[in-house]
N, C-alpha and C. Protein backbone atom coordinates (compact mmCIF):
# COMPACT_ATOMS: atom_id res chain seq x y z
N MET A 1 3.17 -7.03 -6.17
CA MET A 1 3.59 -6.59 -4.82
C MET A 1 2.50 -6.46 -3.75
N ALA A 2 1.66 -7.15 -3.51
CA ALA A 2 0.00 -6.58 -2.68
C ALA A 2 0.35 -5.85 -1.34
N LEU A 3 0.06 -4.57 -0.99
CA LEU A 3 0.30 -3.83 0.45
C LEU A 3 -0.86 -3.77 1.53
N SER A 4 -0.79 -4.54 2.49
CA SER A 4 -1.59 -4.07 3.15
C SER A 4 -1.52 -2.59 3.59
N GLU A 5 -2.93 -2.17 4.36
CA GLU A 5 -3.07 -0.46 4.68
C GLU A 5 -1.52 -0.63 6.21
N ASN A 6 -1.85 -1.43 6.72
CA ASN A 6 -1.37 -1.79 7.87
C ASN A 6 0.36 -1.56 7.68
N GLU A 7 0.73 -2.49 7.05
CA GLU A 7 2.32 -2.17 6.25
C GLU A 7 2.77 -0.74 5.52
N VAL A 8 1.58 -0.16 5.08
CA VAL A 8 1.92 1.58 4.31
C VAL A 8 2.55 2.28 5.41
N ASN A 9 1.19 1.85 7.01
CA ASN A 9 1.67 3.05 7.71
C ASN A 9 1.99 2.81 9.36
N ARG A 10 2.73 1.70 9.01
CA ARG A 10 3.59 0.73 9.97
C ARG A 10 4.96 1.55 10.18
N ARG A 11 4.86 2.05 11.32
CA ARG A 11 5.97 3.37 11.68
C ARG A 11 7.49 2.20 11.33
N TYR A 12 8.23 3.24 10.24
CA TYR A 12 9.57 2.56 10.25
C TYR A 12 9.69 1.59 10.16
N SER A 13 8.55 1.05 8.86
CA SER A 13 8.73 0.01 7.74
C SER A 13 9.74 0.68 6.61
N ARG A 14 9.64 -0.55 5.29
CA ARG A 14 10.49 -0.15 4.56
C ARG A 14 9.82 1.18 3.54
N THR A 15 8.45 0.79 3.54
CA THR A 15 7.52 1.74 2.77
C THR A 15 7.56 3.06 3.43
N TRP A 16 6.78 2.84 4.74
CA TRP A 16 6.66 4.00 5.26
C TRP A 16 7.86 4.76 5.36
N ILE A 17 9.13 4.54 5.68
CA ILE A 17 10.16 5.07 5.51
C ILE A 17 10.20 6.06 4.18
N LYS A 18 10.03 5.36 3.19
CA LYS A 18 10.26 5.90 1.76
C LYS A 18 9.23 7.15 1.76
N CYS A 19 8.09 7.04 2.10
CA CYS A 19 7.09 8.19 1.81
C CYS A 19 6.71 9.28 2.91
N ASN A 20 7.28 9.00 4.15
CA ASN A 20 7.72 10.35 5.55
C ASN A 20 9.12 10.42 5.59
N ASP A 21 10.32 9.70 5.60
CA ASP A 21 11.35 10.18 5.97
C ASP A 21 12.61 10.28 4.99
N ASP A 22 12.36 10.09 3.56
CA ASP A 22 13.02 10.14 2.49
C ASP A 22 12.81 11.62 1.81
N ALA A 23 14.43 12.18 1.42
CA ALA A 23 14.53 12.42 1.02
C ALA A 23 13.62 13.24 -0.23
N ARG A 24 12.95 11.99 -0.97
CA ARG A 24 12.13 12.04 -2.38
C ARG A 24 10.48 11.78 -1.85
N SER A 25 10.40 11.74 -0.74
CA SER A 25 9.26 11.28 -0.17
C SER A 25 7.79 11.78 -0.65
N GLY A 26 7.95 12.90 -0.86
CA GLY A 26 6.89 13.44 -2.57
C GLY A 26 6.63 12.65 -3.71
N TYR A 27 7.42 12.40 -3.86
CA TYR A 27 7.94 11.43 -5.36
C TYR A 27 7.61 9.87 -5.38
N PHE A 28 8.16 9.62 -4.22
CA PHE A 28 7.55 8.21 -3.46
C PHE A 28 5.64 7.77 -3.33
N ARG A 29 5.47 8.98 -2.42
CA ARG A 29 3.56 8.73 -2.60
C ARG A 29 3.22 9.24 -3.78
N ASN A 30 3.73 9.51 -4.45
CA ASN A 30 2.52 9.96 -6.06
C ASN A 30 2.85 8.75 -6.14
N VAL A 31 4.10 7.86 -7.04
CA VAL A 31 4.19 6.71 -7.13
C VAL A 31 3.75 5.99 -6.67
N PHE A 32 3.65 5.59 -5.69
CA PHE A 32 2.45 4.59 -4.39
C PHE A 32 0.67 4.70 -4.95
N ILE A 33 0.65 6.25 -5.36
CA ILE A 33 -0.92 5.89 -5.63
C ILE A 33 -1.08 5.91 -6.94
N GLN A 34 0.15 5.61 -7.51
CA GLN A 34 -0.22 5.32 -9.25
C GLN A 34 0.13 4.33 -9.06
N ALA A 35 0.16 3.29 -8.58
CA ALA A 35 0.48 1.62 -8.20
C ALA A 35 -0.89 1.51 -7.63
N HIS A 36 -0.85 1.81 -6.47
CA HIS A 36 -2.40 0.97 -5.51
C HIS A 36 -3.30 1.56 -5.17
N GLY A 37 -3.55 3.28 -5.85
CA GLY A 37 -4.55 3.68 -5.38
C GLY A 37 -4.48 4.54 -4.22
N GLY A 38 -5.72 4.92 -3.61
CA GLY A 38 -6.48 5.40 -2.46
C GLY A 38 -5.28 6.78 -2.34
N GLU A 39 -5.07 7.63 -1.20
CA GLU A 39 -4.63 8.67 -0.89
C GLU A 39 -3.50 8.77 -0.01
N PHE A 40 -3.18 10.02 0.03
CA PHE A 40 -2.34 10.11 1.56
C PHE A 40 -3.13 11.15 2.29
N VAL A 41 -2.93 11.40 3.11
CA VAL A 41 -3.43 11.87 4.41
C VAL A 41 -2.51 12.31 5.62
N LYS A 42 -2.44 14.03 5.92
CA LYS A 42 -1.21 14.32 6.92
C LYS A 42 -1.99 13.91 8.21
N ASN A 43 -1.45 13.04 8.67
CA ASN A 43 -1.89 13.16 10.05
C ASN A 43 -0.52 13.39 11.35
N GLY A 44 -0.48 14.77 11.91
CA GLY A 44 -0.13 15.44 12.47
C GLY A 44 1.32 15.49 11.56
N LYS A 45 2.89 15.02 11.95
CA LYS A 45 3.91 15.07 11.49
C LYS A 45 4.32 14.21 10.13
N TYR A 46 3.60 12.97 10.10
CA TYR A 46 3.56 12.14 9.40
C TYR A 46 2.31 12.42 7.92
N TRP A 47 2.25 11.23 6.87
CA TRP A 47 1.95 10.82 6.07
C TRP A 47 1.06 9.53 6.63
N GLU A 48 -0.13 9.72 6.03
CA GLU A 48 -0.80 7.89 6.30
C GLU A 48 -1.70 7.65 5.04
N TRP A 49 -1.47 6.54 4.52
CA TRP A 49 -2.15 6.20 3.54
C TRP A 49 -3.26 4.95 3.31
N ARG A 50 -4.41 6.15 2.67
CA ARG A 50 -5.69 5.82 2.94
C ARG A 50 -6.38 4.66 1.80
N GLN A 51 -7.08 3.45 1.75
CA GLN A 51 -7.67 3.26 0.47
C GLN A 51 -8.83 4.13 0.38
N ILE A 52 -8.99 4.71 -0.85
CA ILE A 52 -10.51 5.26 -1.37
C ILE A 52 -11.87 4.56 -1.35
N GLN A 53 -12.76 4.40 -0.79
CA GLN A 53 -13.82 3.59 -1.22
C GLN A 53 -14.57 4.29 -2.07
N GLN A 54 -15.11 3.59 -2.73
CA GLN A 54 -16.03 4.31 -4.30
C GLN A 54 -17.57 3.98 -3.50
N PRO A 55 -18.08 4.65 -3.32
CA PRO A 55 -19.40 4.15 -3.15
C PRO A 55 -20.17 3.54 -4.08
N GLU A 56 -21.06 3.20 -3.97
CA GLU A 56 -22.28 2.19 -4.64
C GLU A 56 -22.86 3.62 -5.17
N PRO A 57 -23.21 3.11 -6.74
CA PRO A 57 -24.59 3.81 -7.09
C PRO A 57 -25.98 3.63 -6.91
N VAL A 58 -26.61 5.06 -6.76
CA VAL A 58 -27.49 4.47 -6.23
C VAL A 58 -28.20 4.71 -7.45
N ILE A 59 -29.07 3.83 -7.47
CA ILE A 59 -30.44 3.50 -8.76
C ILE A 59 -31.77 3.93 -8.05
N GLU A 60 -32.21 5.04 -8.61
CA GLU A 60 -33.63 5.13 -8.38
C GLU A 60 -34.42 4.21 -9.08
N PRO A 61 -35.34 3.70 -8.34
CA PRO A 61 -36.40 2.92 -8.83
C PRO A 61 -37.46 3.51 -9.54
N GLU A 62 -37.79 3.17 -11.02
CA GLU A 62 -38.81 4.22 -11.84
C GLU A 62 -39.94 3.37 -10.76
N ILE A 63 -41.02 4.64 -10.59
CA ILE A 63 -42.51 4.92 -10.16
C ILE A 63 -43.45 5.00 -11.13
N THR A 64 -43.68 3.65 -11.23
CA THR A 64 -44.75 3.61 -12.98
C THR A 64 -46.37 3.23 -12.34
N ASP A 65 -46.26 2.80 -11.33
CA ASP A 65 -47.47 2.50 -10.11
C ASP A 65 -47.71 3.42 -9.31
N PHE A 66 -48.97 4.38 -9.48
CA PHE A 66 -49.67 4.75 -8.42
C PHE A 66 -50.85 4.58 -7.93
N ASP A 67 -50.44 4.28 -6.61
CA ASP A 67 -51.94 4.16 -5.98
C ASP A 67 -52.72 5.18 -6.09
N TYR A 68 -52.62 6.64 -5.79
CA TYR A 68 -53.59 7.12 -5.80
C TYR A 68 -52.81 8.81 -6.84
N THR A 69 -53.98 9.05 -7.44
CA THR A 69 -53.45 10.48 -8.30
C THR A 69 -54.35 11.91 -8.02
N ILE A 70 -53.59 13.04 -7.24
CA ILE A 70 -54.68 13.39 -7.01
C ILE A 70 -54.31 14.92 -7.59
N ALA A 71 -55.48 15.58 -8.61
CA ALA A 71 -55.35 16.40 -9.40
C ALA A 71 -56.58 17.05 -9.20
N ASP A 72 -56.28 18.45 -10.04
CA ASP A 72 -57.80 19.67 -10.19
C ASP A 72 -58.49 19.02 -10.84
N SER A 73 -57.72 18.82 -11.72
CA SER A 73 -58.76 18.62 -12.99
C SER A 73 -58.04 17.22 -14.05
N VAL A 74 -58.22 16.49 -14.33
CA VAL A 74 -57.80 15.24 -14.96
C VAL A 74 -57.63 15.34 -16.48
N GLU A 75 -57.83 16.89 -17.69
CA GLU A 75 -57.26 16.67 -18.52
C GLU A 75 -56.28 18.28 -18.37
N ASN A 76 -55.40 17.39 -19.26
CA ASN A 76 -54.35 18.45 -19.46
C ASN A 76 -52.83 18.39 -18.43
N ASN A 77 -53.24 17.31 -17.70
CA ASN A 77 -52.00 16.99 -16.65
C ASN A 77 -51.12 16.13 -16.97
N GLU A 78 -50.65 16.34 -18.58
CA GLU A 78 -49.73 15.85 -18.89
C GLU A 78 -48.31 17.06 -18.82
N LYS A 79 -49.17 18.23 -19.27
CA LYS A 79 -48.30 19.22 -19.21
C LYS A 79 -47.91 20.10 -17.92
N LYS A 80 -48.23 19.01 -17.06
CA LYS A 80 -47.77 19.74 -15.46
C LYS A 80 -47.13 19.22 -14.49
N ARG A 81 -46.60 19.95 -13.89
CA ARG A 81 -45.47 19.60 -12.63
C ARG A 81 -46.77 18.84 -12.00
N TYR A 82 -46.17 17.93 -11.54
CA TYR A 82 -46.34 17.29 -10.07
C TYR A 82 -45.24 16.00 -9.81
N PHE A 83 -45.72 16.44 -8.22
CA PHE A 83 -44.91 15.66 -6.99
C PHE A 83 -45.38 14.42 -6.66
N ILE A 84 -44.40 13.00 -6.11
CA ILE A 84 -44.58 12.15 -5.53
C ILE A 84 -44.20 11.69 -4.58
N PHE A 85 -45.08 11.58 -3.70
CA PHE A 85 -44.91 11.01 -1.93
C PHE A 85 -45.19 9.87 -2.15
N THR A 86 -44.64 9.34 -0.76
CA THR A 86 -45.06 7.91 -0.33
C THR A 86 -45.45 7.87 1.05
N ASP A 87 -46.29 7.17 1.51
CA ASP A 87 -47.05 7.01 3.14
C ASP A 87 -46.42 6.07 3.33
N GLN A 88 -46.98 5.60 4.90
CA GLN A 88 -46.18 4.76 5.69
C GLN A 88 -46.00 2.83 5.12
N GLU A 89 -47.10 3.09 4.60
CA GLU A 89 -47.34 1.81 3.80
C GLU A 89 -47.01 1.40 2.07
N ASN A 90 -46.64 2.42 2.07
CA ASN A 90 -45.47 2.68 0.63
C ASN A 90 -46.31 2.73 -0.65
N LYS A 91 -47.46 3.25 -0.14
CA LYS A 91 -48.47 3.37 -1.40
C LYS A 91 -48.01 4.81 -2.06
N HIS A 92 -47.92 4.97 -3.67
CA HIS A 92 -46.99 6.33 -3.97
C HIS A 92 -48.60 7.31 -4.41
N TYR A 93 -48.23 8.66 -4.36
CA TYR A 93 -49.02 9.40 -4.41
C TYR A 93 -48.69 10.50 -5.84
N LYS A 94 -49.43 10.29 -6.61
CA LYS A 94 -48.95 11.57 -7.89
C LYS A 94 -49.88 12.77 -7.93
N VAL A 95 -49.32 13.69 -7.36
CA VAL A 95 -50.22 15.06 -6.44
C VAL A 95 -49.45 16.09 -7.47
N TYR A 96 -51.08 16.45 -8.51
CA TYR A 96 -50.97 17.49 -8.96
C TYR A 96 -51.17 18.61 -8.18
N SER A 97 -52.16 18.64 -7.87
CA SER A 97 -53.05 19.94 -6.78
C SER A 97 -52.29 19.87 -5.63
N MET A 98 -51.37 20.75 -4.85
CA MET A 98 -50.97 20.56 -3.59
C MET A 98 -51.97 20.78 -2.21
N LYS A 99 -53.22 21.90 -2.74
CA LYS A 99 -53.73 21.69 -2.39
C LYS A 99 -55.26 21.30 -1.77
N ILE A 100 -55.76 20.35 -3.30
CA ILE A 100 -56.14 19.39 -2.63
C ILE A 100 -55.69 18.03 -1.56
N PHE A 101 -54.81 17.89 -1.88
CA PHE A 101 -53.96 16.83 -1.52
C PHE A 101 -53.75 17.14 0.01
N MET A 102 -53.17 18.71 0.63
CA MET A 102 -52.86 19.35 1.82
C MET A 102 -55.01 18.71 2.95
N ASP A 103 -55.38 19.31 2.06
CA ASP A 103 -57.01 19.45 2.25
C ASP A 103 -57.29 17.79 2.41
N THR A 104 -57.31 17.12 1.70
CA THR A 104 -57.43 15.99 1.70
C THR A 104 -56.85 14.98 3.25
N TYR A 105 -55.92 15.15 2.79
CA TYR A 105 -55.27 14.52 4.57
C TYR A 105 -54.61 15.32 5.44
N LYS A 106 -55.52 16.43 5.64
CA LYS A 106 -55.40 17.00 6.75
C LYS A 106 -53.43 18.14 6.79
N LEU A 107 -52.90 17.51 6.25
CA LEU A 107 -51.60 18.53 6.22
C LEU A 107 -51.43 19.65 6.20
N ASN A 108 -50.55 20.19 6.99
CA ASN A 108 -49.92 21.35 7.23
C ASN A 108 -49.07 22.12 5.99
N LYS A 109 -49.22 23.31 5.51
CA LYS A 109 -48.72 24.03 4.59
C LYS A 109 -47.55 23.60 4.21
N ASN A 110 -46.87 24.33 5.63
CA ASN A 110 -45.77 25.10 5.95
C ASN A 110 -44.97 23.47 6.09
N ASN A 111 -45.41 22.48 7.03
CA ASN A 111 -44.59 21.64 7.04
C ASN A 111 -44.44 20.58 5.92
N ILE A 112 -45.67 20.78 5.31
CA ILE A 112 -45.50 19.72 3.54
C ILE A 112 -44.54 20.49 2.45
N TYR A 113 -44.38 21.79 2.68
CA TYR A 113 -43.54 22.65 1.96
C TYR A 113 -41.90 21.93 2.63
N GLU A 114 -41.78 22.18 3.91
CA GLU A 114 -40.10 21.64 4.27
C GLU A 114 -39.71 20.57 4.44
N VAL A 115 -40.85 19.63 3.90
CA VAL A 115 -40.47 17.99 3.80
C VAL A 115 -39.95 18.16 1.86
N ILE A 116 -40.94 18.82 1.13
CA ILE A 116 -40.22 19.13 -0.10
C ILE A 116 -39.11 20.06 -0.45
N SER A 117 -38.44 20.52 0.66
CA SER A 117 -37.32 21.05 0.78
C SER A 117 -36.20 20.34 1.29
N GLY A 118 -36.60 19.39 1.85
CA GLY A 118 -35.59 18.36 2.83
C GLY A 118 -35.68 19.00 4.34
N LYS A 119 -35.82 19.98 4.56
CA LYS A 119 -35.68 20.53 6.13
C LYS A 119 -36.08 19.57 7.08
N ARG A 120 -37.57 18.65 6.63
CA ARG A 120 -38.14 17.74 7.45
C ARG A 120 -38.04 15.77 6.89
N LYS A 121 -38.06 15.27 7.17
CA LYS A 121 -38.24 13.90 6.57
C LYS A 121 -39.78 13.33 6.22
N SER A 122 -40.65 13.56 6.86
CA SER A 122 -42.22 13.58 6.74
C SER A 122 -42.79 14.27 7.93
N HIS A 123 -43.97 14.53 7.09
CA HIS A 123 -44.88 14.87 7.56
C HIS A 123 -46.05 14.26 7.41
N LYS A 124 -46.88 13.47 8.67
CA LYS A 124 -47.79 12.68 8.98
C LYS A 124 -47.88 11.36 8.14
N GLY A 125 -46.50 11.09 7.73
CA GLY A 125 -46.13 9.96 7.27
C GLY A 125 -46.34 10.07 6.15
N PHE A 126 -45.91 10.85 5.22
CA PHE A 126 -46.10 11.50 4.09
C PHE A 126 -44.22 11.54 3.58
N ARG A 127 -43.73 11.39 2.67
CA ARG A 127 -42.48 11.26 2.42
C ARG A 127 -42.43 11.85 1.14
N TYR A 128 -41.72 12.90 0.94
CA TYR A 128 -41.57 13.15 -0.39
C TYR A 128 -40.24 12.16 -1.31
N ILE A 129 -40.44 12.33 -2.48
CA ILE A 129 -39.86 11.57 -3.43
C ILE A 129 -39.53 12.21 -4.47
N LYS A 130 -39.74 12.66 -5.67
CA LYS A 130 -39.38 14.01 -6.40
C LYS A 130 -40.56 14.49 -6.76
N THR A 131 -39.40 15.11 -7.85
CA THR A 131 -40.95 16.64 -8.86
C THR A 131 -40.62 15.62 -9.80
N ILE A 132 -41.55 15.85 -11.02
CA ILE A 132 -41.37 15.50 -12.06
C ILE A 132 -42.38 16.99 -12.99
N GLU A 133 -41.00 17.14 -13.75
CA GLU A 133 -41.25 18.42 -14.54
C GLU A 133 -41.58 17.79 -15.78
N PRO A 134 -42.84 18.97 -16.63
CA PRO A 134 -43.62 18.21 -18.17
C PRO A 134 -42.08 18.72 -19.14
N GLN A 135 -42.52 17.22 -19.93
CA GLN A 135 -41.44 17.78 -21.19
C GLN A 135 -42.00 18.76 -21.85
N VAL A 136 -41.32 19.78 -22.12
CA VAL A 136 -41.50 21.00 -23.02
C VAL A 136 -40.91 21.05 -24.29
N GLU A 137 -41.68 20.71 -25.90
CA GLU A 137 -41.29 20.47 -27.09
C GLU A 137 -40.62 22.28 -27.72
N PRO A 138 -39.94 21.66 -28.29
CA PRO A 138 -38.64 22.64 -28.65
C PRO A 138 -39.55 23.22 -29.75
N THR A 139 -39.40 24.73 -29.48
CA THR A 139 -40.30 25.32 -31.19
C THR A 139 -39.63 25.89 -31.72
N GLU A 140 -40.00 26.10 -33.29
CA GLU A 140 -38.92 26.50 -34.37
C GLU A 140 -39.72 27.36 -34.53
């Protein structure tokens, strides 16, 4: 028996009376949730049923090709933390040295760190994607 949200929330319908005005309304609400899912929310004096929408899982695309790598030196960069930024043309930047990155593109230090912390969306077209921490080998 499929019930629409309108049938459950329509005042004085058989289901509405069972879930609101009946002496065992708490029991009926629990049985209804087990059968149909969703939740009951208090709306003033009465209970309203709402179906819970499951959010779509967010799958981050793996970024493997970088248009630019900004580093102070090329050697030993695998052991360093780096930041991934993107610009307005969707070019990806792998940034090992923030100082060189900011000097190269004339970026303001405070503004770029606000972009990283999430207080700003972008600075001069650059958006922060994520930080990659180095993989530390366990020592025995």
